[in-house]
Protein backbone atom coordinates (compact mmCIF):
# COMPACT_ATOMS: atom_id res chain seq x y z
CA MET A 1 106.63 34.61 40.95
CA THR A 2 104.93 38.35 39.78
CA SER A 3 103.75 40.76 42.30
CA GLY A 4 101.40 43.86 41.75
CA LEU A 5 99.86 47.02 43.31
CA MET A 6 97.87 49.99 42.20
CA ILE A 7 98.64 53.67 42.44
CA ALA A 8 95.91 55.88 43.03
CA ALA A 9 94.10 58.79 43.85
CA PRO A 10 91.01 60.05 45.30
CA ARG A 11 90.92 62.70 42.30
CA SER A 12 91.94 63.21 39.44
CA GLY A 13 95.20 65.68 39.12
CA SER A 14 96.58 63.93 42.73
CA GLY A 15 99.87 62.93 40.76
CA LYS A 16 99.46 59.18 39.98
CA THR A 17 101.21 59.83 36.63
CA THR A 18 104.08 61.15 37.73
CA VAL A 19 104.19 58.76 40.76
CA THR A 20 103.78 55.84 38.99
CA LEU A 21 106.38 56.59 35.54
CA ALA A 22 108.68 57.44 38.98
CA LEU A 23 108.47 53.63 40.56
CA LEU A 24 108.92 52.26 36.58
CA ALA A 25 112.25 53.78 36.20
CA ALA A 26 113.54 53.56 39.43
CA PHE A 27 111.98 50.08 39.72
CA ARG A 28 114.09 49.62 35.88
CA LYS A 29 117.69 51.04 37.13
CA ARG A 30 116.91 48.71 40.16
CA GLY A 31 117.20 45.84 37.50
CA LEU A 32 113.80 45.21 38.58
CA ALA A 33 111.52 43.38 35.06
CA VAL A 34 108.77 45.84 35.92
CA ARG A 35 105.23 45.96 34.04
CA SER A 36 102.49 48.03 33.73
CA GLY A 37 99.28 48.73 33.44
CA LYS A 38 96.53 51.25 32.88
CA SER A 39 92.94 50.99 34.39
CA GLY A 40 90.14 52.08 32.19
CA PRO A 41 90.17 54.20 28.96
CA ASP A 42 93.15 55.70 28.35
CA TYR A 43 95.25 56.49 25.40
CA ILE A 44 98.40 58.56 26.60
CA ASP A 45 99.40 57.40 29.93
CA PRO A 46 100.43 53.90 28.90
CA ALA A 47 102.10 55.01 26.34
CA PHE A 48 104.77 56.92 28.94
CA HIS A 49 104.16 53.75 31.12
CA ALA A 50 105.91 52.12 27.89
CA ALA A 51 108.68 54.55 27.06
CA ALA A 52 109.60 54.03 31.37
CA THR A 53 109.75 50.51 31.13
CA GLY A 54 110.40 49.60 27.81
CA HIS A 55 107.37 47.32 27.33
CA PRO A 56 103.63 47.99 26.70
CA SER A 57 101.03 49.28 28.98
CA LEU A 58 97.57 47.23 28.62
CA ASN A 59 94.49 48.61 29.80
CA LEU A 60 92.00 46.46 31.97
CA ASP A 61 88.29 47.60 32.32
CA CYS A 62 86.44 45.53 35.23
CA TRP A 63 83.79 47.23 32.72
CA ALA A 64 84.22 47.00 29.21
CA MET A 65 85.90 43.28 30.10
CA THR A 66 84.55 40.04 30.93
CA PRO A 67 86.77 38.78 33.93
CA GLU A 68 88.70 36.09 31.33
CA VAL A 69 89.54 39.26 28.85
CA LEU A 70 91.09 40.64 32.04
CA ASN A 71 92.64 37.86 32.85
CA ASN A 72 94.40 37.04 29.62
CA ILE A 73 95.13 40.79 29.13
CA ALA A 74 97.05 40.41 32.82
CA HIS A 75 98.63 37.49 32.71
CA ILE A 76 99.77 38.54 28.88
CA ALA A 77 100.78 41.98 30.31
CA THR A 78 102.65 40.37 33.37
CA ALA A 79 104.91 37.23 31.44
CA ASN A 80 108.00 37.25 33.13
CA ALA A 81 108.05 40.58 35.27
CA ASP A 82 108.89 40.79 38.60
CA LEU A 83 106.63 43.53 39.32
CA PHE A 84 103.19 44.85 37.37
CA ILE A 85 102.20 48.34 38.52
CA VAL A 86 98.99 49.69 37.54
CA GLU A 87 97.98 53.07 37.20
CA SER A 88 93.78 53.49 37.81
CA ALA A 89 91.63 55.75 36.71
CA MET A 90 89.82 59.14 38.30
CA GLY A 91 89.39 58.29 42.05
CA LEU A 92 90.42 54.86 43.45
CA PHE A 93 86.32 54.17 43.63
CA ASP A 94 85.11 56.61 40.41
CA GLY A 95 83.73 54.53 37.90
CA ILE A 96 79.45 54.32 36.85
CA ALA A 97 76.64 55.47 39.01
CA ALA A 98 74.67 51.77 39.05
CA PRO A 99 73.16 50.16 41.76
CA ALA A 100 74.78 46.92 40.45
CA GLY A 101 77.24 44.96 38.56
CA PRO A 102 80.56 46.26 37.35
CA ARG A 103 81.19 49.91 37.55
CA GLY A 104 84.57 50.79 35.72
CA ALA A 105 86.29 51.33 39.03
CA PRO A 106 89.94 50.83 39.44
CA SER A 107 88.87 49.30 42.99
CA GLU A 108 86.53 46.47 41.83
CA LEU A 109 90.29 46.04 39.34
CA ALA A 110 92.28 46.25 42.62
CA ALA A 111 89.72 43.69 44.43
CA HIS A 112 89.97 41.34 40.91
CA PHE A 113 93.30 40.84 41.21
CA GLY A 114 93.99 41.71 45.05
CA LEU A 115 96.53 44.02 44.10
CA PRO A 116 97.13 46.58 46.99
CA VAL A 117 97.25 50.04 46.62
CA VAL A 118 98.73 52.80 46.84
CA LEU A 119 97.52 56.28 47.75
CA VAL A 120 99.13 59.46 46.31
CA LEU A 121 97.42 62.78 48.60
CA ASP A 122 97.97 66.08 46.89
CA VAL A 123 98.38 67.68 50.06
CA SER A 124 98.21 71.07 49.26
CA GLY A 125 95.89 73.36 51.61
CA GLN A 126 95.45 70.68 54.00
CA SER A 127 97.61 68.80 57.35
CA GLN A 128 96.36 66.48 59.13
CA SER A 129 93.26 65.70 57.22
CA ALA A 130 94.93 64.24 54.88
CA ALA A 131 95.07 61.47 57.48
CA ALA A 132 91.46 61.13 57.92
CA ILE A 133 90.97 60.94 54.06
CA ALA A 134 93.48 57.75 54.40
CA ARG A 135 91.60 56.14 56.47
CA GLY A 136 88.28 56.94 54.87
CA PHE A 137 89.88 55.39 51.74
CA ALA A 138 91.26 52.14 54.26
CA THR A 139 87.95 51.75 55.43
CA HIS A 140 85.19 51.78 52.49
CA ASP A 141 85.50 48.67 50.26
CA PRO A 142 86.92 45.42 52.50
CA ARG A 143 88.00 44.09 49.68
CA VAL A 144 90.75 46.59 48.79
CA HIS A 145 93.52 47.28 51.06
CA LEU A 146 95.53 49.91 51.45
CA ALA A 147 98.86 49.39 51.50
CA GLY A 148 100.52 53.50 52.55
CA VAL A 149 100.25 56.43 51.03
CA VAL A 150 102.67 59.10 48.92
CA LEU A 151 102.34 62.52 49.39
CA ASN A 152 102.44 64.85 47.09
CA GLN A 153 102.92 68.42 46.84
CA VAL A 154 103.89 68.79 50.46
CA ALA A 155 104.90 72.52 50.93
CA SER A 156 108.00 72.44 53.97
CA PRO A 157 109.11 70.31 56.27
CA ARG A 158 107.13 71.04 59.13
CA HIS A 159 103.80 70.51 56.74
CA ARG A 160 105.90 67.25 56.25
CA ALA A 161 106.07 66.81 59.62
CA GLY A 162 102.65 67.59 60.72
CA ILE A 163 100.50 65.16 58.13
CA GLU A 164 102.70 62.23 58.59
CA TYR A 165 102.57 62.42 62.88
CA ALA A 166 98.84 62.30 62.36
CA MET A 167 98.74 59.24 59.18
CA SER A 168 100.80 57.67 62.65
CA GLU A 169 98.29 57.99 64.68
CA ALA A 170 95.66 56.74 61.95
CA GLY A 171 97.81 53.63 61.26
CA ILE A 172 98.17 54.71 57.75
CA LEU A 173 101.99 54.32 56.99
CA VAL A 174 103.42 57.11 54.65
CA LEU A 175 105.42 55.27 51.80
CA GLY A 176 106.72 58.81 49.94
CA CYS A 177 106.14 62.32 50.55
CA LEU A 178 107.14 64.79 47.58
CA MET A 179 107.67 68.45 47.75
CA ARG A 180 106.30 70.64 45.11
CA ASN A 181 108.17 70.76 41.86
CA ALA A 182 107.19 72.70 39.18
CA SER A 183 109.78 70.92 37.19
CA ILE A 184 108.15 67.60 37.52
CA ALA A 185 104.41 68.41 35.85
CA LEU A 186 103.97 66.85 32.19
CA PRO A 187 102.72 69.15 29.55
CA GLU A 188 98.77 69.02 28.86
CA ARG A 189 96.34 69.54 26.30
CA HIS A 190 92.77 69.36 25.54
CA LEU A 191 92.65 65.41 25.58
CA GLY A 192 95.00 64.75 28.94
CA LEU A 193 98.35 64.98 28.69
CA VAL A 194 100.59 66.23 25.52
CA GLN A 195 101.44 62.19 24.29
CA ALA A 196 104.91 61.16 24.68
CA GLY A 197 106.03 60.77 21.59
CA GLU A 198 106.30 64.99 22.02
CA HIS A 199 107.75 65.42 24.80
CA GLY A 200 110.67 66.25 23.77
CA GLU A 201 113.00 65.03 26.63
CA LEU A 202 111.09 62.34 27.51
CA GLN A 203 114.57 60.28 28.91
CA GLN A 204 115.53 62.77 30.56
CA PHE A 205 112.74 63.62 31.99
CA LEU A 206 112.15 59.90 33.72
CA ASP A 207 115.87 59.73 34.35
CA ARG A 208 115.31 63.05 36.93
CA LEU A 209 111.75 60.83 38.43
CA ALA A 210 113.96 57.88 39.03
CA ALA A 211 116.48 59.83 40.78
CA LEU A 212 112.93 61.47 42.56
CA ALA A 213 112.09 58.47 43.32
CA GLU A 214 115.36 57.30 44.76
CA THR A 215 115.23 60.37 47.31
CA SER A 216 111.57 60.77 47.81
CA LEU A 217 110.16 57.78 47.90
CA ASP A 218 110.48 54.53 50.39
CA LEU A 219 111.24 51.79 47.36
CA ASP A 220 111.99 48.94 49.27
CA ALA A 221 108.51 49.54 51.24
CA ILE A 222 106.35 49.96 48.06
CA ALA A 223 108.29 46.61 46.41
CA ALA A 224 107.91 44.71 49.99
CA ALA A 225 103.85 45.59 49.32
CA ALA A 226 103.31 44.44 46.21
CA ALA A 227 101.40 41.06 47.09
CA PRO A 228 101.62 37.53 44.49
CA LEU A 229 99.56 37.85 41.84
CA ALA A 230 97.50 34.78 41.05
CA ILE A 231 96.33 34.89 37.21
CA ALA A 232 93.77 31.97 36.18
CA PRO A 233 94.47 31.20 32.45
CA SER A 234 92.43 32.86 29.69
CA THR A 235 92.12 32.74 25.76
CA ALA A 236 89.86 35.18 26.04
CA GLN A 237 89.89 37.60 23.18
CA ALA A 238 88.90 41.51 23.69
CA LEU A 239 88.16 41.42 20.24
CA PRO A 240 89.23 39.79 17.15
CA PRO A 241 91.37 40.97 14.23
CA PRO A 242 89.09 42.52 11.34
CA GLY A 243 91.61 40.78 8.55
CA GLN A 244 94.42 38.85 8.79
CA CYS A 245 96.21 41.22 6.74
CA VAL A 246 95.14 45.37 8.44
CA ALA A 247 96.13 48.27 7.25
CA LEU A 248 97.12 50.30 11.01
CA ALA A 249 97.29 54.42 10.00
CA LYS A 250 100.42 55.60 13.07
CA ASP A 251 101.87 58.87 13.13
CA ALA A 252 100.72 62.08 15.14
CA ALA A 253 97.20 62.85 13.56
CA PHE A 254 96.22 58.38 14.04
CA SER A 255 97.67 57.56 17.21
CA PHE A 256 94.97 56.43 19.85
CA ILE A 257 94.76 52.24 19.62
CA TYR A 258 94.51 50.01 22.17
CA PRO A 259 97.73 47.95 22.90
CA HIS A 260 95.69 45.28 24.48
CA LEU A 261 94.10 45.13 20.58
CA LEU A 262 97.18 45.06 19.05
CA GLN A 263 98.36 41.97 21.03
CA SER A 264 95.22 40.74 20.31
CA TRP A 265 95.26 40.82 16.35
CA HIS A 266 98.78 39.68 16.63
CA SER A 267 98.04 37.03 18.75
CA ALA A 268 95.05 35.82 16.67
CA GLY A 269 97.51 35.71 13.98
CA ALA A 270 97.21 39.19 11.69
CA GLU A 271 99.53 40.79 10.53
CA ILE A 272 99.29 44.94 11.03
CA ILE A 273 101.49 47.06 8.41
CA LEU A 274 101.47 50.91 9.38
CA PHE A 275 101.38 54.17 6.96
CA SER A 276 100.83 57.58 7.62
CA PRO A 277 98.57 59.47 6.36
CA LEU A 278 100.38 62.27 7.26
CA ALA A 279 103.84 61.18 5.26
CA ASN A 280 100.56 61.12 2.30
CA GLU A 281 101.08 57.25 2.38
CA ALA A 282 98.43 55.33 1.03
CA PRO A 283 96.94 52.02 2.99
CA PRO A 284 99.56 49.73 1.87
CA ASP A 285 97.23 47.20 -1.38
CA GLN A 286 98.25 43.59 0.24
CA CYS A 287 96.01 44.01 3.06
CA ASP A 288 92.55 43.17 3.39
CA ALA A 289 91.28 46.25 5.91
CA CYS A 290 92.44 49.72 6.80
CA TRP A 291 91.81 50.91 10.45
CA LEU A 292 92.01 54.67 11.36
CA PRO A 293 92.23 55.23 14.92
CA GLY A 294 91.88 58.68 16.77
CA GLY A 295 93.87 60.94 17.64
CA TYR A 296 94.51 64.57 16.91
CA PRO A 297 93.10 65.33 12.75
CA GLU A 298 91.62 68.94 13.61
CA LEU A 299 95.50 69.52 14.61
CA HIS A 300 96.70 68.59 11.63
CA ALA A 301 93.31 68.95 8.94
CA GLU A 302 94.77 71.37 6.24
CA LYS A 303 97.89 68.58 5.76
CA LEU A 304 95.68 65.45 5.88
CA ALA A 305 93.01 68.12 3.32
CA HIS A 306 96.31 68.61 0.86
CA ALA A 307 97.51 64.45 1.12
CA GLU A 308 96.40 63.39 -2.38
CA THR A 309 97.82 60.49 -2.25
CA PHE A 310 96.45 59.66 1.05
CA ARG A 311 92.60 60.51 -0.19
CA SER A 312 92.73 59.12 -3.49
CA GLY A 313 94.79 55.37 -1.99
CA LEU A 314 91.78 55.50 0.38
CA SER A 315 89.25 56.08 -1.60
CA THR A 316 89.96 52.99 -3.69
CA PHE A 317 90.80 50.44 -1.52
CA ALA A 318 87.59 51.33 0.09
CA THR A 319 86.25 50.00 -2.96
CA THR A 320 87.03 46.32 -2.01
CA ARG A 321 87.94 45.96 1.40
CA PRO A 322 86.53 47.54 4.39
CA VAL A 323 87.62 50.37 5.77
CA HIS A 324 86.70 51.34 9.40
CA GLY A 325 87.65 54.43 11.38
CA GLU A 326 87.20 55.50 15.26
CA CYS A 327 86.52 59.25 16.51
CA GLY A 328 89.32 61.48 14.63
CA GLY A 329 89.35 58.46 12.34
CA PHE A 330 85.94 58.53 11.81
CA MET A 331 86.07 62.74 11.36
CA VAL A 332 88.50 62.01 8.73
CA LEU A 333 86.14 59.46 6.78
CA GLY A 334 83.55 62.44 6.37
CA LYS A 335 83.04 65.26 4.27
CA THR A 336 84.05 68.03 6.01
CA LEU A 337 86.06 69.32 9.25
CA ILE A 338 86.03 72.24 10.87
CA ASP A 339 88.79 73.10 12.90
CA ALA A 340 88.97 75.59 15.82
CA GLN A 341 89.31 78.48 13.84
CA GLY A 342 86.03 77.85 12.23
CA THR A 343 88.13 76.79 8.63
CA ALA A 344 86.30 74.34 6.72
CA HIS A 345 88.91 71.63 5.43
CA PRO A 346 87.90 68.67 2.76
CA MET A 347 88.40 65.31 4.01
CA ALA A 348 87.53 61.62 2.24
CA GLY A 349 83.78 62.07 2.09
CA LEU A 350 83.87 57.99 2.40
CA LEU A 351 80.90 59.01 4.44
CA GLY A 352 78.72 61.94 4.33
CA HIS A 353 79.02 64.00 7.74
CA THR A 354 80.71 67.15 8.60
CA THR A 355 82.36 67.24 12.16
CA SER A 356 83.21 71.06 13.99
CA PHE A 357 86.18 71.82 16.76
CA ALA A 358 84.85 75.69 16.56
CA LYS A 359 82.69 75.52 19.54
CA ARG A 360 83.87 72.81 21.53
CA ARG A 361 81.75 70.63 23.94
CA LEU A 362 83.20 67.52 25.93
CA HIS A 363 81.31 64.37 24.68
CA LEU A 364 82.61 61.24 27.30
CA GLY A 365 81.78 58.50 28.59
CA TYR A 366 81.51 54.59 28.30
CA ARG A 367 79.16 53.14 26.09
CA GLU A 368 77.74 50.56 24.39
CA ALA A 369 77.32 50.05 20.45
CA THR A 370 75.05 47.21 19.11
CA VAL A 371 76.54 46.86 15.30
CA SER A 372 74.20 47.24 13.41
CA ARG A 373 74.76 44.73 9.56
CA GLU A 374 77.81 42.92 9.52
CA THR A 375 80.82 45.07 9.64
CA LEU A 376 84.79 44.31 10.21
CA LEU A 377 84.34 44.33 14.45
CA GLY A 378 81.43 41.51 13.84
CA PRO A 379 77.96 40.49 12.16
CA ALA A 380 75.14 42.44 12.76
CA GLY A 381 73.71 42.30 16.54
CA THR A 382 77.75 41.96 18.27
CA ILE A 383 77.45 43.61 21.22
CA LEU A 384 80.76 46.39 21.93
CA ARG A 385 82.11 48.33 24.61
CA GLY A 386 84.00 50.53 25.64
CA HIS A 387 83.85 55.03 25.43
CA GLU A 388 83.26 58.25 23.67
CA PHE A 389 86.12 61.63 24.66
CA HIS A 390 85.93 63.99 22.07
CA TYR A 391 85.20 67.72 21.90
CA ALA A 392 84.08 67.48 18.52
CA SER A 393 80.01 67.73 17.47
CA LEU A 394 78.53 66.60 14.41
CA THR A 395 77.41 69.15 13.02
CA ASP A 396 75.95 67.36 9.66
CA ALA A 397 74.90 63.83 10.21
CA GLY A 398 74.65 62.97 6.80
CA PRO A 399 72.93 60.44 4.17
CA ASP A 400 74.85 57.59 5.40
CA ALA A 401 73.14 54.67 7.21
CA HIS A 402 73.63 54.28 10.87
CA PHE A 403 76.79 52.04 12.02
CA ALA A 404 75.69 50.59 15.49
CA GLU A 405 73.39 51.63 18.35
CA LEU A 406 74.45 53.31 21.38
CA ARG A 407 74.04 53.11 25.11
CA ASP A 408 75.90 54.77 27.89
CA GLY A 409 77.48 52.76 30.86
CA THR A 410 74.10 52.60 32.95
CA GLY A 411 72.23 50.94 29.90
CA GLN A 412 70.30 54.32 29.01
CA SER A 413 69.47 54.43 25.01
CA LEU A 414 72.12 57.18 23.30
CA GLY A 415 70.35 56.18 19.74
CA LEU A 416 71.40 55.65 16.83
CA ALA A 417 75.05 57.09 16.10
CA GLY A 418 77.83 56.82 12.83
CA GLY A 419 78.23 56.07 9.62
CA ARG A 420 77.82 52.42 7.12
CA ARG A 421 77.92 53.33 3.41
CA GLY A 422 79.37 50.33 1.97
CA HIS A 423 82.79 48.79 2.99
CA VAL A 424 83.49 51.87 4.84
CA THR A 425 81.95 52.78 8.80
CA GLY A 426 83.13 54.61 11.46
CA SER A 427 82.02 56.39 14.99
CA PHE A 428 83.48 58.90 17.43
CA PHE A 429 82.79 55.13 19.59
CA HIS A 430 86.57 54.04 20.56
CA ALA A 431 85.40 49.86 20.93
CA ILE A 432 87.40 47.73 24.02
CA SER A 433 85.98 44.55 24.11
CA ARG A 434 83.21 42.50 22.46
CA THR A 435 81.12 41.51 25.20
CA ASP A 436 81.01 37.84 23.87
CA PRO A 437 84.28 37.30 23.03
């Protein structure tokens, strides 16, 4: 039977991803069938997880997914696994500030699946006070069991001894200690970590983390802390496939597609054929739908602007078959993309909007979208839950009809969003799941 646990922290930047990758790599080297998941909306961390385990890492989100969809995804993610490790997003109890209903907090996921929590504490700038933080997390929600803590950014043996003494007095188990080490930091850019596929020495990096875990983490105690998982069976799917044969853009400019969506589409019998706009490839003609996911088109705007085969092939495809773009894909479907230096690049022009990185502004948060007309995501009135995370701004909405009406995670209206023209739709909204799968 599969056992599971969650790696969490009081806040982002505490070292959750480093500890998670170290554990995944170390347990795999020990011969365990280890699998992973990520709480909340995140594309980048799961790709690192997949590199460490050799298997897709699936997202689990208590706000965006129904309990039935959660159970189905977790059941698939843990198939034939000895150990299932879920990395939390942000802080353990961070979610929507709402009085009732799911908030999307990692703690809700831990409670739903009965996952014991290993708390990663960045103890730089403190000593015994770290025990007070751990005690607070241990008692904040009786549904959530704190298995112990991993101390990160420890300055010296004396620093470690003072914290461990206080943890012992508080009845908190210390499961490992990582000293300050700049060599295990992952590179970052404006949407988070640099992607796994762009990390030049990823396997060597994972090997170093596995060795570090063997010497600095109590792997036996961490494995023993994991709890057996009893997942209620379910066949509920997050999102039906957009077609029976889907052309999916996939390269350095288009890389943000949730593994759980691909799994859902595959299980429904859809064929997915990859193509690369950066390699000037058009969507394959045998496909009956095209999906342009998010990514970093702003870093490749000039090359995309000159990819004539891609642009003309996409235009031809869209005359008879549906095309949908999410976030970066939406930007490429528009008329113009203005990069961070203020240079305007012509895009596909299948929608009439202009997006710009010249003045960065963060757009971030859960979103609920009600589709205005029948599209490849569902009939009119379909309700989707997902999120936005981008720094680009819409500087000219263009003349197109809107794609959907948006609300934020608390139900507040955000107005009309996206564009729709003929068979083409798109918006900054990333779909995670339908509410009526």
